[in-house]
């Protein structure tokens, strides 16, 4: 099953994000086997990071939620998160 994790910064998310960037990247590398795609959301000028999107391929929603629960940005409350089941569409 695929799930989209959609993240938007909390008001102080940028300040919380900076010191955890390396831990976040290491966490993603450690879970590369379940990550289909991921990347930052940017403001309209393409300069400031305002969130992130991850697409996971996991057994069920519980596994997607477990991934999110241990993610360093989640533990630091950088983002507001949603997790939705997703199906790849036609291109």
PDB file of N, CA and C in Angstrom:
ATOM      1  N   UNK A   1       0.836  -1.171   0.000  1.00  0.00           N
ATOM      2  CA  UNK A   1       0.000   0.000   0.000  1.00  0.00           C
ATOM      3  C   UNK A   1       0.886   1.240   0.000  1.00  0.00           C
ATOM      4  N   UNK A   2       0.451   2.234  -0.731  1.00  0.00           N
ATOM      5  CA  UNK A   2       1.183   3.489  -0.724  1.00  0.00           C
ATOM      6  C   UNK A   2       0.422   4.518   0.112  1.00  0.00           C
ATOM      7  N   UNK A   3       1.202   5.325   0.807  1.00  0.00           N
ATOM      8  CA  UNK A   3       0.650   6.404   1.622  1.00  0.00           C
ATOM      9  C   UNK A   3       1.424   7.680   1.345  1.00  0.00           C
ATOM     10  N   UNK A   4       0.692   8.791   1.312  1.00  0.00           N
ATOM     11  CA  UNK A   4       1.312  10.104   1.197  1.00  0.00           C
ATOM     12  C   UNK A   4       1.319  10.728   2.585  1.00  0.00           C
ATOM     13  N   UNK A   5       2.500  11.162   2.987  1.00  0.00           N
ATOM     14  CA  UNK A   5       2.630  11.927   4.222  1.00  0.00           C
ATOM     15  C   UNK A   5       2.857  13.369   3.803  1.00  0.00           C
ATOM     16  N   UNK A   6       1.920  14.219   4.153  1.00  0.00           N
ATOM     17  CA  UNK A   6       1.936  15.628   3.753  1.00  0.00           C
ATOM     18  C   UNK A   6       2.206  16.459   4.999  1.00  0.00           C
ATOM     19  N   UNK A   7       3.252  17.247   4.959  1.00  0.00           N
ATOM     20  CA  UNK A   7       3.706  17.979   6.138  1.00  0.00           C
ATOM     21  C   UNK A   7       3.755  19.474   5.855  1.00  0.00           C
ATOM     22  N   UNK A   8       3.209  20.256   6.757  1.00  0.00           N
ATOM     23  CA  UNK A   8       3.328  21.716   6.689  1.00  0.00           C
ATOM     24  C   UNK A   8       3.958  22.205   7.974  1.00  0.00           C
ATOM     25  N   UNK A   9       4.860  23.165   7.840  1.00  0.00           N
ATOM     26  CA  UNK A   9       5.547  23.713   9.003  1.00  0.00           C
ATOM     27  C   UNK A   9       4.578  24.294  10.017  1.00  0.00           C
ATOM     28  N   UNK A  10       4.870  24.065  11.272  1.00  0.00           N
ATOM     29  CA  UNK A  10       4.225  24.815  12.343  1.00  0.00           C
ATOM     30  C   UNK A  10       4.832  26.221  12.296  1.00  0.00           C
ATOM     31  N   UNK A  11       4.260  27.187  12.993  1.00  0.00           N
ATOM     32  CA  UNK A  11       4.792  28.555  12.923  1.00  0.00           C
ATOM     33  C   UNK A  11       6.291  28.674  13.212  1.00  0.00           C
ATOM     34  N   UNK A  12       6.824  27.858  14.108  1.00  0.00           N
ATOM     35  CA  UNK A  12       8.252  27.915  14.422  1.00  0.00           C
ATOM     36  C   UNK A  12       9.015  26.732  13.818  1.00  0.00           C
ATOM     37  N   UNK A  13       8.455  26.100  12.788  1.00  0.00           N
ATOM     38  CA  UNK A  13       9.044  24.905  12.193  1.00  0.00           C
ATOM     39  C   UNK A  13      10.432  25.103  11.624  1.00  0.00           C
ATOM     40  N   UNK A  14      10.668  26.228  10.963  1.00  0.00           N
ATOM     41  CA  UNK A  14      11.980  26.475  10.371  1.00  0.00           C
ATOM     42  C   UNK A  14      13.089  26.488  11.408  1.00  0.00           C
ATOM     43  N   UNK A  15      12.836  27.117  12.525  1.00  0.00           N
ATOM     44  CA  UNK A  15      13.833  27.180  13.595  1.00  0.00           C
ATOM     45  C   UNK A  15      14.065  25.799  14.206  1.00  0.00           C
ATOM     46  N   UNK A  16      13.018  25.003  14.312  1.00  0.00           N
ATOM     47  CA  UNK A  16      13.156  23.658  14.871  1.00  0.00           C
ATOM     48  C   UNK A  16      13.843  22.720  13.885  1.00  0.00           C
ATOM     49  N   UNK A  17      13.644  22.938  12.585  1.00  0.00           N
ATOM     50  CA  UNK A  17      14.164  22.059  11.543  1.00  0.00           C
ATOM     51  C   UNK A  17      15.685  22.109  11.448  1.00  0.00           C
ATOM     52  N   UNK A  18      16.255  23.299  11.457  1.00  0.00           N
ATOM     53  CA  UNK A  18      17.677  23.480  11.151  1.00  0.00           C
ATOM     54  C   UNK A  18      18.617  22.561  11.937  1.00  0.00           C
ATOM     55  N   UNK A  19      18.516  22.478  13.251  1.00  0.00           N
ATOM     56  CA  UNK A  19      19.474  21.642  13.973  1.00  0.00           C
ATOM     57  C   UNK A  19      19.254  20.129  13.786  1.00  0.00           C
ATOM     58  N   UNK A  20      18.127  19.741  13.190  1.00  0.00           N
ATOM     59  CA  UNK A  20      17.802  18.322  13.023  1.00  0.00           C
ATOM     60  C   UNK A  20      17.951  17.830  11.588  1.00  0.00           C
ATOM     61  N   UNK A  21      18.406  18.696  10.700  1.00  0.00           N
ATOM     62  CA  UNK A  21      18.463  18.339   9.277  1.00  0.00           C
ATOM     63  C   UNK A  21      19.268  17.063   9.036  1.00  0.00           C
ATOM     64  N   UNK A  22      20.448  16.936   9.631  1.00  0.00           N
ATOM     65  CA  UNK A  22      21.266  15.738   9.415  1.00  0.00           C
ATOM     66  C   UNK A  22      20.577  14.484   9.953  1.00  0.00           C
ATOM     67  N   UNK A  23      19.975  14.575  11.132  1.00  0.00           N
ATOM     68  CA  UNK A  23      19.261  13.426  11.693  1.00  0.00           C
ATOM     69  C   UNK A  23      18.089  13.027  10.794  1.00  0.00           C
ATOM     70  N   UNK A  24      17.398  14.015  10.248  1.00  0.00           N
ATOM     71  CA  UNK A  24      16.282  13.766   9.325  1.00  0.00           C
ATOM     72  C   UNK A  24      16.777  13.035   8.075  1.00  0.00           C
ATOM     73  N   UNK A  25      17.846  13.524   7.485  1.00  0.00           N
ATOM     74  CA  UNK A  25      18.390  12.888   6.270  1.00  0.00           C
ATOM     75  C   UNK A  25      18.872  11.471   6.551  1.00  0.00           C
ATOM     76  N   UNK A  26      19.509  11.268   7.693  1.00  0.00           N
ATOM     77  CA  UNK A  26      19.951   9.918   8.067  1.00  0.00           C
ATOM     78  C   UNK A  26      18.757   8.991   8.240  1.00  0.00           C
ATOM     79  N   UNK A  27      17.692   9.488   8.838  1.00  0.00           N
ATOM     80  CA  UNK A  27      16.484   8.693   9.032  1.00  0.00           C
ATOM     81  C   UNK A  27      15.905   8.278   7.679  1.00  0.00           C
ATOM     82  N   UNK A  28      15.863   9.216   6.731  1.00  0.00           N
ATOM     83  CA  UNK A  28      15.355   8.884   5.398  1.00  0.00           C
ATOM     84  C   UNK A  28      16.234   7.832   4.732  1.00  0.00           C
ATOM     85  N   UNK A  29      17.547   7.972   4.842  1.00  0.00           N
ATOM     86  CA  UNK A  29      18.462   6.972   4.267  1.00  0.00           C
ATOM     87  C   UNK A  29      18.235   5.600   4.888  1.00  0.00           C
ATOM     88  N   UNK A  30      18.018   5.569   6.193  1.00  0.00           N
ATOM     89  CA  UNK A  30      17.784   4.300   6.889  1.00  0.00           C
ATOM     90  C   UNK A  30      16.480   3.632   6.470  1.00  0.00           C
ATOM     91  N   UNK A  31      15.564   4.400   5.885  1.00  0.00           N
ATOM     92  CA  UNK A  31      14.257   3.873   5.468  1.00  0.00           C
ATOM     93  C   UNK A  31      14.050   3.953   3.955  1.00  0.00           C
ATOM     94  N   UNK A  32      15.130   4.029   3.207  1.00  0.00           N
ATOM     95  CA  UNK A  32      15.015   4.193   1.755  1.00  0.00           C
ATOM     96  C   UNK A  32      14.273   3.042   1.085  1.00  0.00           C
ATOM     97  N   UNK A  33      14.222   1.879   1.737  1.00  0.00           N
ATOM     98  CA  UNK A  33      13.531   0.740   1.148  1.00  0.00           C
ATOM     99  C   UNK A  33      12.011   0.916   1.116  1.00  0.00           C
ATOM    100  N   UNK A  34      11.464   1.832   1.909  1.00  0.00           N
ATOM    101  CA  UNK A  34      10.008   2.056   1.896  1.00  0.00           C
ATOM    102  C   UNK A  34       9.628   3.408   1.307  1.00  0.00           C
ATOM    103  N   UNK A  35      10.607   4.244   0.989  1.00  0.00           N
ATOM    104  CA  UNK A  35      10.322   5.581   0.459  1.00  0.00           C
ATOM    105  C   UNK A  35      10.301   5.535  -1.065  1.00  0.00           C
ATOM    106  N   UNK A  36       9.155   5.854  -1.646  1.00  0.00           N
ATOM    107  CA  UNK A  36       9.005   5.918  -3.095  1.00  0.00           C
ATOM    108  C   UNK A  36       9.536   7.254  -3.602  1.00  0.00           C
ATOM    109  N   UNK A  37       9.185   8.321  -2.914  1.00  0.00           N
ATOM    110  CA  UNK A  37       9.621   9.672  -3.276  1.00  0.00           C
ATOM    111  C   UNK A  37       9.482  10.565  -2.053  1.00  0.00           C
ATOM    112  N   UNK A  38      10.315  11.597  -2.010  1.00  0.00           N
ATOM    113  CA  UNK A  38      10.203  12.569  -0.925  1.00  0.00           C
ATOM    114  C   UNK A  38      10.882  13.859  -1.352  1.00  0.00           C
ATOM    115  N   UNK A  39      10.485  14.937  -0.717  1.00  0.00           N
ATOM    116  CA  UNK A  39      11.115  16.215  -1.003  1.00  0.00           C
ATOM    117  C   UNK A  39      10.419  17.347  -0.287  1.00  0.00           C
ATOM    118  N   UNK A  40      11.094  18.487  -0.229  1.00  0.00           N
ATOM    119  CA  UNK A  40      10.550  19.634   0.485  1.00  0.00           C
ATOM    120  C   UNK A  40       9.450  20.337  -0.306  1.00  0.00           C
ATOM    121  N   UNK A  41       8.534  20.955   0.427  1.00  0.00           N
ATOM    122  CA  UNK A  41       7.574  21.895  -0.148  1.00  0.00           C
ATOM    123  C   UNK A  41       8.188  23.283  -0.005  1.00  0.00           C
ATOM    124  N   UNK A  42       8.053  24.092  -1.035  1.00  0.00           N
ATOM    125  CA  UNK A  42       8.657  25.419  -1.039  1.00  0.00           C
ATOM    126  C   UNK A  42       7.597  26.493  -1.155  1.00  0.00           C
ATOM    127  N   UNK A  43       7.944  27.696  -0.703  1.00  0.00           N
ATOM    128  CA  UNK A  43       7.038  28.827  -0.853  1.00  0.00           C
ATOM    129  C   UNK A  43       6.931  29.191  -2.334  1.00  0.00           C
ATOM    130  N   UNK A  44       6.063  30.132  -2.659  1.00  0.00           N
ATOM    131  CA  UNK A  44       5.826  30.493  -4.064  1.00  0.00           C
ATOM    132  C   UNK A  44       7.068  31.023  -4.768  1.00  0.00           C
ATOM    133  N   UNK A  45       8.012  31.581  -4.015  1.00  0.00           N
ATOM    134  CA  UNK A  45       9.251  32.067  -4.610  1.00  0.00           C
ATOM    135  C   UNK A  45      10.272  30.947  -4.804  1.00  0.00           C
ATOM    136  N   UNK A  46      10.000  29.774  -4.259  1.00  0.00           N
ATOM    137  CA  UNK A  46      10.919  28.648  -4.383  1.00  0.00           C
ATOM    138  C   UNK A  46      12.156  28.770  -3.522  1.00  0.00           C
ATOM    139  N   UNK A  47      12.083  29.586  -2.494  1.00  0.00           N
ATOM    140  CA  UNK A  47      13.250  29.859  -1.659  1.00  0.00           C
ATOM    141  C   UNK A  47      13.141  29.202  -0.283  1.00  0.00           C
ATOM    142  N   UNK A  48      12.018  29.395   0.365  1.00  0.00           N
ATOM    143  CA  UNK A  48      11.846  28.965   1.751  1.00  0.00           C
ATOM    144  C   UNK A  48      11.138  27.605   1.803  1.00  0.00           C
ATOM    145  N   UNK A  49      11.677  26.690   2.605  1.00  0.00           N
ATOM    146  CA  UNK A  49      11.019  25.419   2.845  1.00  0.00           C
ATOM    147  C   UNK A  49       9.845  25.642   3.783  1.00  0.00           C
ATOM    148  N   UNK A  50       8.677  25.112   3.391  1.00  0.00           N
ATOM    149  CA  UNK A  50       7.467  25.288   4.203  1.00  0.00           C
ATOM    150  C   UNK A  50       6.852  23.952   4.619  1.00  0.00           C
ATOM    151  N   UNK A  51       7.495  22.869   4.245  1.00  0.00           N
ATOM    152  CA  UNK A  51       6.972  21.552   4.592  1.00  0.00           C
ATOM    153  C   UNK A  51       7.662  20.471   3.793  1.00  0.00           C
ATOM    154  N   UNK A  52       6.996  19.335   3.655  1.00  0.00           N
ATOM    155  CA  UNK A  52       7.581  18.190   2.972  1.00  0.00           C
ATOM    156  C   UNK A  52       6.478  17.239   2.535  1.00  0.00           C
ATOM    157  N   UNK A  53       6.789  16.422   1.535  1.00  0.00           N
ATOM    158  CA  UNK A  53       5.901  15.349   1.107  1.00  0.00           C
ATOM    159  C   UNK A  53       6.732  14.069   1.006  1.00  0.00           C
ATOM    160  N   UNK A  54       6.181  12.986   1.511  1.00  0.00           N
ATOM    161  CA  UNK A  54       6.801  11.677   1.382  1.00  0.00           C
ATOM    162  C   UNK A  54       5.761  10.708   0.858  1.00  0.00           C
ATOM    163  N   UNK A  55       6.156   9.843  -0.043  1.00  0.00           N
ATOM    164  CA  UNK A  55       5.298   8.757  -0.498  1.00  0.00           C
ATOM    165  C   UNK A  55       5.973   7.472  -0.048  1.00  0.00           C
ATOM    166  N   UNK A  56       5.245   6.678   0.720  1.00  0.00           N
ATOM    167  CA  UNK A  56       5.777   5.436   1.266  1.00  0.00           C
ATOM    168  C   UNK A  56       5.080   4.238   0.642  1.00  0.00           C
ATOM    169  N   UNK A  57       5.804   3.139   0.513  1.00  0.00           N
ATOM    170  CA  UNK A  57       5.239   1.859   0.099  1.00  0.00           C
ATOM    171  C   UNK A  57       5.438   0.907   1.277  1.00  0.00           C
ATOM    172  N   UNK A  58       4.368   0.669   2.018  1.00  0.00           N
ATOM    173  CA  UNK A  58       4.421  -0.097   3.261  1.00  0.00           C
ATOM    174  C   UNK A  58       3.272  -1.101   3.315  1.00  0.00           C
ATOM    175  N   UNK A  59       3.308  -1.964   4.313  1.00  0.00           N
ATOM    176  CA  UNK A  59       2.284  -3.004   4.434  1.00  0.00           C
ATOM    177  C   UNK A  59       0.911  -2.447   4.777  1.00  0.00           C
ATOM    178  N   UNK A  60       0.885  -1.404   5.624  1.00  0.00           N
ATOM    179  CA  UNK A  60      -0.398  -0.865   6.071  1.00  0.00           C
ATOM    180  C   UNK A  60      -0.181   0.516   6.689  1.00  0.00           C
ATOM    181  N   UNK A  61      -1.285   1.148   7.065  1.00  0.00           N
ATOM    182  CA  UNK A  61      -1.206   2.499   7.629  1.00  0.00           C
ATOM    183  C   UNK A  61      -0.440   2.512   8.944  1.00  0.00           C
ATOM    184  N   UNK A  62      -0.528   1.441   9.701  1.00  0.00           N
ATOM    185  CA  UNK A  62       0.205   1.377  10.968  1.00  0.00           C
ATOM    186  C   UNK A  62       1.714   1.509  10.726  1.00  0.00           C
ATOM    187  N   UNK A  63       2.217   0.918   9.664  1.00  0.00           N
ATOM    188  CA  UNK A  63       3.643   1.036   9.347  1.00  0.00           C
ATOM    189  C   UNK A  63       3.986   2.466   8.930  1.00  0.00           C
ATOM    190  N   UNK A  64       3.110   3.110   8.179  1.00  0.00           N
ATOM    191  CA  UNK A  64       3.337   4.511   7.810  1.00  0.00           C
ATOM    192  C   UNK A  64       3.334   5.397   9.053  1.00  0.00           C
ATOM    193  N   UNK A  65       2.414   5.138   9.967  1.00  0.00           N
ATOM    194  CA  UNK A  65       2.353   5.925  11.196  1.00  0.00           C
ATOM    195  C   UNK A  65       3.566   5.675  12.086  1.00  0.00           C
ATOM    196  N   UNK A  66       4.080   4.448  12.092  1.00  0.00           N
ATOM    197  CA  UNK A  66       5.289   4.143  12.868  1.00  0.00           C
ATOM    198  C   UNK A  66       6.493   4.873  12.282  1.00  0.00           C
ATOM    199  N   UNK A  67       6.580   4.936  10.958  1.00  0.00           N
ATOM    200  CA  UNK A  67       7.648   5.698  10.306  1.00  0.00           C
ATOM    201  C   UNK A  67       7.589   7.154  10.750  1.00  0.00           C
ATOM    202  N   UNK A  68       6.414   7.739  10.697  1.00  0.00           N
ATOM    203  CA  UNK A  68       6.241   9.137  11.088  1.00  0.00           C
ATOM    204  C   UNK A  68       6.565   9.344  12.560  1.00  0.00           C
ATOM    205  N   UNK A  69       6.151   8.436  13.398  1.00  0.00           N
ATOM    206  CA  UNK A  69       6.323   8.597  14.846  1.00  0.00           C
ATOM    207  C   UNK A  69       7.792   8.730  15.242  1.00  0.00           C
ATOM    208  N   UNK A  70       8.668   8.007  14.568  1.00  0.00           N
ATOM    209  CA  UNK A  70      10.089   8.015  14.924  1.00  0.00           C
ATOM    210  C   UNK A  70      10.902   9.047  14.156  1.00  0.00           C
ATOM    211  N   UNK A  71      10.308   9.724  13.205  1.00  0.00           N
ATOM    212  CA  UNK A  71      11.037  10.685  12.369  1.00  0.00           C
ATOM    213  C   UNK A  71      11.477  11.882  13.219  1.00  0.00           C
ATOM    214  N   UNK A  72      12.744  12.304  13.127  1.00  0.00           N
ATOM    215  CA  UNK A  72      13.249  13.387  13.981  1.00  0.00           C
ATOM    216  C   UNK A  72      12.439  14.685  13.910  1.00  0.00           C
ATOM    217  N   UNK A  73      11.985  15.091  12.733  1.00  0.00           N
ATOM    218  CA  UNK A  73      11.191  16.314  12.639  1.00  0.00           C
ATOM    219  C   UNK A  73       9.853  16.149  13.358  1.00  0.00           C
ATOM    220  N   UNK A  74       9.300  14.960  13.326  1.00  0.00           N
ATOM    221  CA  UNK A  74       8.053  14.722  14.042  1.00  0.00           C
ATOM    222  C   UNK A  74       8.268  14.825  15.549  1.00  0.00           C
ATOM    223  N   UNK A  75       9.318  14.182  16.040  1.00  0.00           N
ATOM    224  CA  UNK A  75       9.591  14.233  17.486  1.00  0.00           C
ATOM    225  C   UNK A  75       9.819  15.666  17.961  1.00  0.00           C
ATOM    226  N   UNK A  76      10.361  16.524  17.077  1.00  0.00           N
ATOM    227  CA  UNK A  76      10.626  17.928  17.437  1.00  0.00           C
ATOM    228  C   UNK A  76       9.436  18.839  17.125  1.00  0.00           C
ATOM    229  N   UNK A  77       8.354  18.265  16.611  1.00  0.00           N
ATOM    230  CA  UNK A  77       7.136  19.027  16.308  1.00  0.00           C
ATOM    231  C   UNK A  77       7.388  20.147  15.287  1.00  0.00           C
ATOM    232  N   UNK A  78       8.169  19.808  14.248  1.00  0.00           N
ATOM    233  CA  UNK A  78       8.419  20.754  13.158  1.00  0.00           C
ATOM    234  C   UNK A  78       7.154  20.950  12.326  1.00  0.00           C
ATOM    235  N   UNK A  79       6.418  19.869  12.093  1.00  0.00           N
ATOM    236  CA  UNK A  79       5.312  19.859  11.138  1.00  0.00           C
ATOM    237  C   UNK A  79       3.961  19.545  11.772  1.00  0.00           C
ATOM    238  N   UNK A  80       2.927  19.938  11.059  1.00  0.00           N
ATOM    239  CA  UNK A  80       1.592  19.356  11.174  1.00  0.00           C
ATOM    240  C   UNK A  80       1.556  18.291  10.072  1.00  0.00           C
ATOM    241  N   UNK A  81       1.104  17.085  10.368  1.00  0.00           N
ATOM    242  CA  UNK A  81       1.167  15.959   9.437  1.00  0.00           C
ATOM    243  C   UNK A  81      -0.214  15.436   9.087  1.00  0.00           C
ATOM    244  N   UNK A  82      -0.346  14.925   7.863  1.00  0.00           N
ATOM    245  CA  UNK A  82      -1.482  14.082   7.498  1.00  0.00           C
ATOM    246  C   UNK A  82      -0.916  12.856   6.792  1.00  0.00           C
ATOM    247  N   UNK A  83      -1.604  11.745   6.929  1.00  0.00           N
ATOM    248  CA  UNK A  83      -1.228  10.510   6.223  1.00  0.00           C
ATOM    249  C   UNK A  83      -2.478  10.008   5.527  1.00  0.00           C
ATOM    250  N   UNK A  84      -2.398   9.868   4.212  1.00  0.00           N
ATOM    251  CA  UNK A  84      -3.526   9.370   3.428  1.00  0.00           C
ATOM    252  C   UNK A  84      -3.060   8.224   2.537  1.00  0.00           C
ATOM    253  N   UNK A  85      -3.944   7.259   2.372  1.00  0.00           N
ATOM    254  CA  UNK A  85      -3.666   6.179   1.425  1.00  0.00           C
ATOM    255  C   UNK A  85      -3.693   6.777   0.026  1.00  0.00           C
ATOM    256  N   UNK A  86      -2.795   6.280  -0.833  1.00  0.00           N
ATOM    257  CA  UNK A  86      -2.626   6.844  -2.168  1.00  0.00           C
ATOM    258  C   UNK A  86      -2.471   5.719  -3.173  1.00  0.00           C
ATOM    259  N   UNK A  87      -2.987   5.936  -4.356  1.00  0.00           N
ATOM    260  CA  UNK A  87      -2.819   4.980  -5.440  1.00  0.00           C
ATOM    261  C   UNK A  87      -2.206   5.708  -6.625  1.00  0.00           C
ATOM    262  N   UNK A  88      -1.141   5.147  -7.189  1.00  0.00           N
ATOM    263  CA  UNK A  88      -0.501   5.749  -8.348  1.00  0.00           C
ATOM    264  C   UNK A  88      -1.481   5.823  -9.485  1.00  0.00           C
ATOM    265  N   UNK A  89      -1.589   7.003 -10.107  1.00  0.00           N
ATOM    266  CA  UNK A  89      -2.503   7.199 -11.229  1.00  0.00           C
ATOM    267  C   UNK A  89      -1.768   7.119 -12.549  1.00  0.00           C
ATOM    268  N   UNK A  90      -2.481   7.360 -13.596  1.00  0.00           N
ATOM    269  CA  UNK A  90      -1.913   7.330 -14.937  1.00  0.00           C
ATOM    270  C   UNK A  90      -1.169   8.634 -15.229  1.00  0.00           C
ATOM    271  N   UNK A  91      -0.088   8.520 -15.970  1.00  0.00           N
ATOM    272  CA  UNK A  91       0.699   9.694 -16.347  1.00  0.00           C
ATOM    273  C   UNK A  91       0.381  10.066 -17.770  1.00  0.00           C
TER     274      UNK A  91
END
